[in-house]
Amino acid sequence: MSVAVLVAPKFDSATEYSYNWSREAKALLEDKGYKVIDIGGQRVSRTKVEEALKQNSNVLYIHMNHGSEDAHWGSEEEAVINLENVALLSGRETYCMNCLSAKKLGVEAWKNKAVAYWGYVEVFTFTTEALEEFREFVNSGLKFRLEGKSWKECLQLAKDLAKELAQKLVVAGKYIASVILQGDADALCCYTENMPPTSDCAFRRLAISVFGPKLGWKFPSPRLETLKLLYKAKPKTLAFLVFLIISLTVVHFFSQWQLDIIVCPPVWSSGWSHPIGRYADDYFQCWIWKTTVGEAYDVLFFLNFASFYGTIIIFAIMLGWIISQIRKMGKINVN
């Protein structure tokens, strides 16, 4: 017999509604022959949820309650799932009706090899004038999945259903409810192996496009506010590393420019000339630097080589240092 862990706490006015909607989810599961481990109807402890998940590995997990970017809540003060125990979602399908959790927790679940994570990247909102429509939308993905649809199909069908319900609400004159329902549908997403998370961070999108989703999501993407805090905390270190990079970049382009002066004349014009075909001992001057062409070539080639690789090394050191400092501050953003 298939098993599902359904977590639907009840402790305020909003969770009264989510708990009622979870009753339909339970009925849908039981109609398909699932044994439902029903944890809800009151404040739910983290320990109880962890025990249920540990004792039932790789089974369907459903959470219908308050959420945040990095947590599923069981009460006003205790998270039942967060970044500390997100590994419990590894190898299982997770279906959520909560606020924001797909934004951060869902990504971490996907990185921990969750089979699927269904949730919202924005605040889930509803109105009491259209409770039936919101209930139908909320449970639609689970219903489609139990009918044997793929998660990709479930996501598209749920969004299509939201459009139909939104139009129905417009006809009924419930314009605000229609807009809110469509907004919830826009915030709905599902992460699977074939549908990796996306990001609104330019750095993250670049990393994903270059290295692919699995490697791209391993690069931390710090918030601008965090970098500002880092600069305030370690201004001299950060300024010194930036100074080194700028200095090496200047040296690199200077050496390129001077090497171009040396190499171009014999290539593109009569330029340098020497009876025996070499001009290494000819006079060369760059501002106050007076030397020969040969010595200038050797020095500039070394500067060009050293500055190029030096810039890469210093940049890597700076990036590693910034990442380590941000992790210490506990402010990594995975968006």
Protein backbone atom coordinates (compact mmCIF):
# COMPACT_ATOMS: atom_id res chain seq x y z
CA MET A 1 0.00 0.00 0.00
CA SER A 2 1.23 3.47 -0.90
CA VAL A 3 1.79 5.88 1.98
CA ALA A 4 1.50 9.67 2.22
CA VAL A 5 2.43 11.96 5.11
CA LEU A 6 -0.07 14.82 5.30
CA VAL A 7 0.88 17.75 7.57
CA ALA A 8 -1.92 20.27 8.04
CA PRO A 9 -1.64 22.19 11.34
CA LYS A 10 -4.44 24.43 12.55
CA PHE A 11 -3.80 27.34 14.90
CA ASP A 12 -5.18 30.56 13.38
CA SER A 13 -7.89 31.81 11.03
CA ALA A 14 -5.87 31.21 7.85
CA THR A 15 -4.97 27.66 8.84
CA GLU A 16 -8.63 26.90 9.51
CA TYR A 17 -9.14 27.17 5.75
CA SER A 18 -5.97 25.31 4.75
CA TYR A 19 -6.88 22.51 7.15
CA ASN A 20 -10.35 22.24 5.61
CA TRP A 21 -8.79 22.06 2.13
CA SER A 22 -6.45 19.32 3.35
CA ARG A 23 -9.50 17.12 4.07
CA GLU A 24 -10.18 16.93 0.36
CA ALA A 25 -6.52 16.07 -0.26
CA LYS A 26 -6.79 13.26 2.26
CA ALA A 27 -9.95 11.95 0.61
CA LEU A 28 -8.30 12.01 -2.83
CA LEU A 29 -5.38 9.98 -1.49
CA GLU A 30 -7.54 7.45 0.30
CA ASP A 31 -9.69 6.98 -2.81
CA LYS A 32 -6.49 5.95 -4.63
CA GLY A 33 -5.63 3.42 -1.94
CA TYR A 34 -3.10 5.47 0.01
CA LYS A 35 -2.55 5.03 3.71
CA VAL A 36 -2.50 8.64 4.97
CA ILE A 37 -0.47 9.53 8.04
CA ASP A 38 -2.52 12.57 9.02
CA ILE A 39 -0.66 15.02 11.24
CA GLY A 40 -2.73 18.12 11.84
CA GLY A 41 -5.81 19.76 13.24
CA GLN A 42 -3.69 21.49 15.88
CA ARG A 43 -0.16 22.82 16.39
CA VAL A 44 2.30 20.27 15.04
CA SER A 45 5.77 19.67 16.45
CA ARG A 46 8.93 19.31 14.39
CA THR A 47 9.76 16.04 16.15
CA LYS A 48 6.49 14.41 15.10
CA VAL A 49 6.96 15.31 11.44
CA GLU A 50 10.60 14.23 11.41
CA GLU A 51 9.70 10.87 12.93
CA ALA A 52 6.97 10.30 10.34
CA LEU A 53 9.30 11.10 7.46
CA LYS A 54 12.19 9.06 8.82
CA GLN A 55 9.95 6.05 9.36
CA ASN A 56 8.48 6.40 5.86
CA SER A 57 11.29 7.17 3.48
CA ASN A 58 10.57 8.14 -0.12
CA VAL A 59 6.81 8.49 0.41
CA LEU A 60 4.69 11.45 -0.65
CA TYR A 61 4.88 14.42 1.74
CA ILE A 62 2.18 17.10 1.75
CA HIS A 63 2.27 20.33 3.72
CA MET A 64 -0.74 22.67 3.85
CA ASN A 65 -0.16 25.56 6.23
CA HIS A 66 2.00 28.63 6.68
CA GLY A 67 5.32 28.72 4.89
CA SER A 68 8.27 31.03 4.39
CA GLU A 69 11.21 31.10 1.99
CA ASP A 70 13.15 28.58 4.02
CA ALA A 71 10.56 26.69 6.10
CA HIS A 72 7.29 24.79 6.50
CA TRP A 73 5.63 25.82 9.76
CA GLY A 74 3.84 23.63 12.27
CA SER A 75 2.95 26.43 14.65
CA GLU A 76 3.59 30.14 15.14
CA GLU A 77 7.06 29.44 16.49
CA GLU A 78 8.26 26.06 15.22
CA ALA A 79 9.22 25.02 11.71
CA VAL A 80 8.67 21.35 10.93
CA ILE A 81 10.91 21.46 7.84
CA ASN A 82 13.62 24.03 7.15
CA LEU A 83 17.14 24.21 5.73
CA GLU A 84 18.53 22.21 8.64
CA ASN A 85 16.48 19.07 7.93
CA VAL A 86 15.63 19.58 4.25
CA ALA A 87 17.51 16.36 3.48
CA LEU A 88 14.38 14.55 4.73
CA LEU A 89 12.76 15.54 1.43
CA SER A 90 15.42 13.68 -0.55
CA GLY A 91 14.03 10.91 -2.73
CA ARG A 92 10.39 11.88 -2.21
CA GLU A 93 7.67 13.93 -3.89
CA THR A 94 6.68 17.03 -1.92
CA TYR A 95 3.38 18.85 -2.46
CA CYS A 96 2.90 22.19 -0.71
CA MET A 97 0.17 24.73 -0.25
CA ASN A 98 2.10 27.38 1.63
CA CYS A 99 3.71 30.74 1.06
CA LEU A 100 7.13 31.26 -0.51
CA SER A 101 8.73 27.89 0.28
CA ALA A 102 9.60 27.08 -3.35
CA LYS A 103 11.78 30.16 -3.45
CA LYS A 104 14.52 28.80 -1.20
CA LEU A 105 13.53 25.59 0.57
CA GLY A 106 12.24 24.05 -2.64
CA VAL A 107 15.52 24.76 -4.40
CA GLU A 108 17.44 23.16 -1.54
CA ALA A 109 15.13 20.14 -1.68
CA TRP A 110 15.81 19.85 -5.42
CA LYS A 111 19.55 20.10 -4.76
CA ASN A 112 19.12 17.30 -2.22
CA LYS A 113 17.64 15.11 -4.98
CA ALA A 114 13.97 15.42 -4.14
CA VAL A 115 11.95 13.66 -6.83
CA ALA A 116 9.60 16.65 -7.08
CA TYR A 117 8.82 19.83 -5.16
CA TRP A 118 5.48 21.55 -5.78
CA GLY A 119 5.07 24.98 -4.24
CA TYR A 120 4.90 28.75 -4.55
CA VAL A 121 7.64 31.36 -4.91
CA GLU A 122 5.41 34.18 -3.67
CA VAL A 123 2.89 34.65 -0.87
CA PHE A 124 -0.19 32.48 -1.40
CA THR A 125 -3.30 34.61 -1.07
CA PHE A 126 -7.03 33.84 -1.16
CA THR A 127 -10.37 35.49 -0.48
CA THR A 128 -13.28 34.10 1.49
CA GLU A 129 -15.72 35.01 -1.29
CA ALA A 130 -14.24 32.32 -3.55
CA LEU A 131 -13.21 29.53 -1.19
CA GLU A 132 -14.43 26.73 -3.44
CA GLU A 133 -12.44 28.00 -6.41
CA PHE A 134 -9.27 28.35 -4.36
CA ARG A 135 -9.79 24.88 -2.85
CA GLU A 136 -10.19 23.37 -6.31
CA PHE A 137 -7.03 25.07 -7.53
CA VAL A 138 -4.99 24.18 -4.44
CA ASN A 139 -5.72 20.45 -4.71
CA SER A 140 -5.70 20.26 -8.51
CA GLY A 141 -2.03 19.35 -8.86
CA LEU A 142 -2.38 16.46 -6.42
CA LYS A 143 -5.54 15.30 -8.17
CA PHE A 144 -3.86 15.31 -11.58
CA ARG A 145 -0.82 13.50 -10.17
CA LEU A 146 -2.98 10.77 -8.66
CA GLU A 147 -4.57 10.35 -12.09
CA GLY A 148 -1.16 9.38 -13.43
CA LYS A 149 -0.09 12.64 -15.05
CA SER A 150 3.58 13.69 -15.06
CA TRP A 151 4.55 16.62 -12.84
CA LYS A 152 5.08 18.74 -15.93
CA GLU A 153 1.57 17.94 -17.12
CA CYS A 154 0.18 18.57 -13.63
CA LEU A 155 1.74 22.02 -13.54
CA GLN A 156 0.34 23.00 -16.91
CA LEU A 157 -3.11 21.59 -16.14
CA ALA A 158 -3.22 23.42 -12.80
CA LYS A 159 -2.31 26.71 -14.45
CA ASP A 160 -4.91 26.12 -17.16
CA LEU A 161 -7.49 25.38 -14.49
CA ALA A 162 -6.57 28.61 -12.71
CA LYS A 163 -7.31 30.56 -15.89
CA GLU A 164 -10.71 28.90 -16.20
CA LEU A 165 -11.54 29.55 -12.56
CA ALA A 166 -10.32 33.15 -12.80
CA GLN A 167 -12.56 33.72 -15.81
CA LYS A 168 -15.46 32.12 -13.94
CA LEU A 169 -14.91 34.55 -11.08
CA VAL A 170 -14.87 37.50 -13.48
CA VAL A 171 -18.24 36.41 -14.86
CA ALA A 172 -19.52 36.18 -11.29
CA GLY A 173 -18.31 39.72 -10.62
CA LYS A 174 -15.62 38.61 -8.18
CA TYR A 175 -12.84 40.59 -9.81
CA ILE A 176 -10.47 40.80 -6.86
CA ALA A 177 -10.67 37.06 -6.25
CA SER A 178 -10.00 36.46 -9.95
CA VAL A 179 -6.83 38.56 -9.91
CA ILE A 180 -5.60 36.93 -6.69
CA LEU A 181 -6.21 33.41 -8.00
CA GLN A 182 -4.31 34.15 -11.20
CA GLY A 183 -1.48 35.60 -9.13
CA ASP A 184 -1.26 32.38 -7.12
CA ALA A 185 -1.11 30.40 -10.36
CA ASP A 186 1.73 32.60 -11.65
CA ALA A 187 3.67 31.93 -8.42
CA LEU A 188 3.16 28.17 -8.66
CA CYS A 189 6.13 26.08 -9.77
CA CYS A 190 7.36 22.51 -9.68
CA TYR A 191 10.97 21.33 -9.54
CA THR A 192 11.97 17.93 -10.87
CA GLU A 193 15.07 16.49 -12.49
CA ASN A 194 13.77 17.63 -15.87
CA MET A 195 12.35 20.92 -14.58
CA PRO A 196 15.15 22.54 -12.55
CA PRO A 197 14.62 25.79 -10.62
CA THR A 198 15.10 29.11 -12.38
CA SER A 199 16.42 32.31 -10.86
CA ASP A 200 15.99 36.07 -11.19
CA CYS A 201 19.65 36.57 -10.26
CA ALA A 202 21.82 37.43 -13.31
CA PHE A 203 24.88 35.73 -11.77
CA ARG A 204 22.91 32.57 -11.09
CA ARG A 205 21.40 32.50 -14.60
CA LEU A 206 24.88 32.87 -16.11
CA ALA A 207 26.23 30.03 -13.96
CA ILE A 208 23.30 27.79 -14.92
CA SER A 209 23.65 28.55 -18.64
CA VAL A 210 27.41 27.89 -18.58
CA PHE A 211 27.66 24.94 -16.18
CA GLY A 212 24.12 23.53 -16.26
CA PRO A 213 21.56 23.43 -13.43
CA LYS A 214 23.35 20.92 -11.18
CA LEU A 215 26.62 22.85 -11.04
CA GLY A 216 25.10 26.29 -11.60
CA TRP A 217 23.02 26.10 -8.41
CA LYS A 218 26.12 25.26 -6.36
CA PHE A 219 27.46 28.78 -6.86
CA PRO A 220 26.26 31.06 -4.04
CA SER A 221 24.47 34.21 -5.13
CA PRO A 222 24.83 36.85 -2.38
CA ARG A 223 22.35 39.67 -1.99
CA LEU A 224 23.55 43.21 -2.67
CA GLU A 225 22.74 44.07 0.94
CA THR A 226 25.07 41.30 2.10
CA LEU A 227 27.93 42.65 -0.02
CA LYS A 228 27.38 46.08 1.52
CA LEU A 229 27.53 44.55 4.99
CA LEU A 230 30.69 42.70 3.98
CA TYR A 231 32.30 45.92 2.77
CA LYS A 232 31.46 47.62 6.05
CA ALA A 233 32.88 44.71 8.02
CA LYS A 234 36.09 44.19 6.00
CA PRO A 235 36.64 47.38 3.97
CA LYS A 236 40.45 47.25 3.90
CA THR A 237 40.70 43.63 2.80
CA LEU A 238 38.10 44.01 0.07
CA ALA A 239 39.60 47.31 -1.11
CA PHE A 240 43.09 45.77 -1.25
CA LEU A 241 41.95 42.82 -3.35
CA VAL A 242 40.08 45.12 -5.73
CA PHE A 243 43.18 47.34 -5.96
CA LEU A 244 45.33 44.32 -6.87
CA ILE A 245 42.94 43.27 -9.62
CA ILE A 246 42.76 46.79 -11.08
CA SER A 247 46.55 47.18 -10.90
CA LEU A 248 47.20 43.86 -12.62
CA THR A 249 44.63 44.71 -15.28
CA VAL A 250 46.36 48.03 -15.97
CA VAL A 251 49.76 46.30 -16.19
CA HIS A 252 48.31 43.72 -18.57
CA PHE A 253 46.91 46.27 -21.01
CA PHE A 254 50.05 48.43 -20.75
CA SER A 255 52.24 45.46 -21.67
CA GLN A 256 49.91 44.56 -24.53
CA TRP A 257 50.14 48.10 -25.85
CA GLN A 258 53.95 48.22 -25.71
CA LEU A 259 54.33 44.77 -27.21
CA ASP A 260 52.09 45.92 -30.02
CA ILE A 261 54.44 48.86 -30.63
CA ILE A 262 57.39 46.48 -30.84
CA VAL A 263 55.75 43.84 -33.02
CA CYS A 264 53.63 45.91 -35.41
CA PRO A 265 56.29 47.91 -37.33
CA PRO A 266 58.07 44.93 -38.91
CA VAL A 267 54.73 43.30 -39.66
CA TRP A 268 52.76 46.19 -41.12
CA SER A 269 55.43 48.66 -42.33
CA SER A 270 59.15 49.02 -42.99
CA GLY A 271 59.48 49.79 -39.28
CA TRP A 272 62.50 48.33 -37.58
CA SER A 273 65.40 47.39 -39.79
CA HIS A 274 68.77 45.79 -39.22
CA PRO A 275 71.49 44.66 -41.60
CA ILE A 276 71.41 41.09 -40.31
CA GLY A 277 67.65 40.97 -39.82
CA ARG A 278 67.47 41.31 -36.01
CA TYR A 279 66.73 44.45 -34.05
CA ALA A 280 66.96 43.22 -30.45
CA ASP A 281 69.79 45.63 -29.71
CA ASP A 282 68.06 48.67 -31.20
CA TYR A 283 67.15 51.53 -28.89
CA PHE A 284 63.69 51.52 -27.24
CA GLN A 285 62.11 54.12 -24.97
CA CYS A 286 58.76 54.29 -23.18
CA TRP A 287 58.48 57.53 -21.27
CA ILE A 288 61.41 57.45 -18.77
CA TRP A 289 62.15 53.78 -19.44
CA LYS A 290 65.15 53.55 -21.76
CA THR A 291 66.33 50.14 -22.91
CA THR A 292 66.75 47.95 -25.98
CA VAL A 293 64.04 46.31 -28.03
CA GLY A 294 65.09 42.85 -26.89
CA GLU A 295 65.08 43.66 -23.20
CA ALA A 296 61.80 45.55 -23.51
CA TYR A 297 60.23 42.56 -25.29
CA ASP A 298 61.33 40.14 -22.57
CA VAL A 299 60.10 42.36 -19.72
CA LEU A 300 56.79 43.18 -21.39
CA PHE A 301 56.12 39.55 -22.31
CA PHE A 302 56.71 38.54 -18.68
CA LEU A 303 54.44 41.33 -17.41
CA ASN A 304 51.75 40.34 -19.88
CA PHE A 305 51.90 36.69 -18.81
CA ALA A 306 52.14 37.41 -15.07
CA SER A 307 49.40 40.04 -15.02
CA PHE A 308 46.95 37.85 -16.95
CA TYR A 309 47.26 34.83 -14.69
CA GLY A 310 47.78 37.01 -11.62
CA THR A 311 44.42 38.69 -12.23
CA ILE A 312 42.70 35.31 -12.50
CA ILE A 313 44.34 34.04 -9.31
CA ILE A 314 43.59 37.18 -7.29
CA PHE A 315 39.99 37.22 -8.55
CA ALA A 316 39.58 33.56 -7.51
CA ILE A 317 41.05 34.35 -4.09
CA MET A 318 38.75 37.34 -3.69
CA LEU A 319 35.69 35.35 -4.76
CA GLY A 320 36.55 32.53 -2.37
CA TRP A 321 37.12 35.00 0.46
CA ILE A 322 33.81 36.79 -0.22
CA ILE A 323 31.93 33.47 -0.28
CA SER A 324 33.52 32.32 2.99
CA GLN A 325 32.73 35.64 4.69
CA ILE A 326 29.12 35.58 3.48
CA ARG A 327 28.68 32.02 4.74
CA LYS A 328 30.00 33.10 8.12
CA MET A 329 27.43 35.87 8.14
CA GLY A 330 24.75 33.26 7.30
CA LYS A 331 23.26 35.35 4.50
CA ILE A 332 23.59 33.27 1.35
CA ASN A 333 20.74 33.86 -1.08
CA VAL A 334 19.90 31.03 -3.54
CA ASN A 335 17.47 32.96 -5.68
